[in-house]
Amino acid sequence: MADKVTRFLGDTPGRTAVKLIVISLIVGIIMSALNFTPWDLWHAITNFFHRLYELGFRAFGRFGEYLLYGAMVVIPVFVLVRVMNYRESR
């Protein structure tokens, strides 16, 4: 059972918890410096879907634009992470 948990987490539960705490602290500091809260993110998402509903089919073009902009960031980061993981596993 412990092997499955460790394999799922990628490390021991204790080390994973410490990593998550440190990353959460760093992200919290950055968000605080930018005066950005999780509620702002929630409102941005709900406003997006509200505008999508109000604009009707015209908004599907904007949705595609958002998808394209997001993919321009997410895909290279994904490839970079996979390459880095591939190097470590060899």
Protein backbone atom coordinates (compact mmCIF):
# COMPACT_ATOMS: atom_id res chain seq x y z
CA MET A 1 0.00 0.00 0.00
CA ALA A 2 2.78 2.45 0.91
CA ASP A 3 4.50 1.77 -2.42
CA LYS A 4 1.36 2.73 -4.31
CA VAL A 5 1.01 5.98 -2.36
CA THR A 6 4.67 6.83 -2.84
CA ARG A 7 4.45 6.05 -6.55
CA PHE A 8 1.30 8.17 -6.90
CA LEU A 9 2.81 11.14 -5.05
CA GLY A 10 6.21 10.81 -6.71
CA ASP A 11 7.96 10.84 -3.33
CA THR A 12 7.25 9.95 0.28
CA PRO A 13 4.14 11.56 1.76
CA GLY A 14 6.18 13.66 4.20
CA ARG A 15 8.51 15.05 1.56
CA THR A 16 5.59 15.70 -0.76
CA ALA A 17 3.79 17.61 2.01
CA VAL A 18 6.89 19.75 2.68
CA LYS A 19 7.26 20.51 -1.04
CA LEU A 20 3.61 21.49 -1.33
CA ILE A 21 3.86 23.72 1.74
CA VAL A 22 6.93 25.52 0.38
CA ILE A 23 5.40 25.97 -3.08
CA SER A 24 2.12 27.17 -1.54
CA LEU A 25 4.00 29.73 0.55
CA ILE A 26 5.89 31.03 -2.49
CA VAL A 27 2.75 31.25 -4.62
CA GLY A 28 0.93 32.97 -1.75
CA ILE A 29 3.67 35.57 -1.43
CA ILE A 30 3.62 36.24 -5.17
CA MET A 31 -0.17 36.50 -5.23
CA SER A 32 -0.10 38.86 -2.26
CA ALA A 33 2.52 41.03 -3.96
CA LEU A 34 0.34 41.19 -7.07
CA ASN A 35 -2.75 41.89 -4.94
CA PHE A 36 -4.43 38.82 -6.42
CA THR A 37 -6.61 36.39 -4.50
CA PRO A 38 -8.24 33.05 -5.32
CA TRP A 39 -11.56 34.92 -5.24
CA ASP A 40 -10.29 37.08 -8.11
CA LEU A 41 -9.62 33.92 -10.10
CA TRP A 42 -13.06 32.56 -9.24
CA HIS A 43 -14.71 35.81 -10.32
CA ALA A 44 -12.69 35.87 -13.54
CA ILE A 45 -13.83 32.35 -14.39
CA THR A 46 -17.47 32.99 -13.54
CA ASN A 47 -17.41 36.30 -15.44
CA PHE A 48 -15.94 34.52 -18.45
CA PHE A 49 -18.79 32.01 -18.54
CA HIS A 50 -21.34 34.76 -17.89
CA ARG A 51 -19.99 36.77 -20.82
CA LEU A 52 -19.88 33.61 -22.92
CA TYR A 53 -23.57 33.07 -22.22
CA GLU A 54 -24.45 36.71 -22.90
CA LEU A 55 -22.51 36.96 -26.14
CA GLY A 56 -23.90 33.76 -27.57
CA PHE A 57 -22.20 32.20 -30.57
CA ARG A 58 -19.93 35.18 -31.16
CA ALA A 59 -18.11 34.19 -27.97
CA PHE A 60 -17.01 30.87 -29.44
CA GLY A 61 -14.40 32.75 -31.44
CA ARG A 62 -13.12 34.30 -28.22
CA PHE A 63 -13.10 30.84 -26.60
CA GLY A 64 -10.90 29.59 -29.44
CA GLU A 65 -8.65 32.59 -28.98
CA TYR A 66 -8.33 31.85 -25.26
CA LEU A 67 -7.61 28.23 -26.08
CA LEU A 68 -4.91 29.20 -28.55
CA TYR A 69 -3.28 31.69 -26.17
CA GLY A 70 -3.31 29.14 -23.37
CA ALA A 71 -1.89 26.43 -25.62
CA MET A 72 0.96 28.76 -26.60
CA VAL A 73 2.07 28.70 -22.97
CA VAL A 74 0.95 25.26 -21.79
CA ILE A 75 2.27 23.11 -24.64
CA PRO A 76 5.91 24.35 -24.48
CA VAL A 77 5.90 24.03 -20.68
CA PHE A 78 4.49 20.51 -20.97
CA VAL A 79 7.14 19.52 -23.52
CA LEU A 80 9.89 21.05 -21.37
CA VAL A 81 8.71 19.16 -18.28
CA ARG A 82 8.51 15.90 -20.23
CA VAL A 83 12.02 16.40 -21.65
CA MET A 84 13.40 17.16 -18.18
CA ASN A 85 11.68 14.06 -16.74
CA TYR A 86 12.98 11.95 -19.61
CA ARG A 87 16.53 13.10 -18.94
CA GLU A 88 16.22 12.27 -15.24
CA SER A 89 14.81 8.80 -15.89
CA ARG A 90 17.72 7.81 -18.13
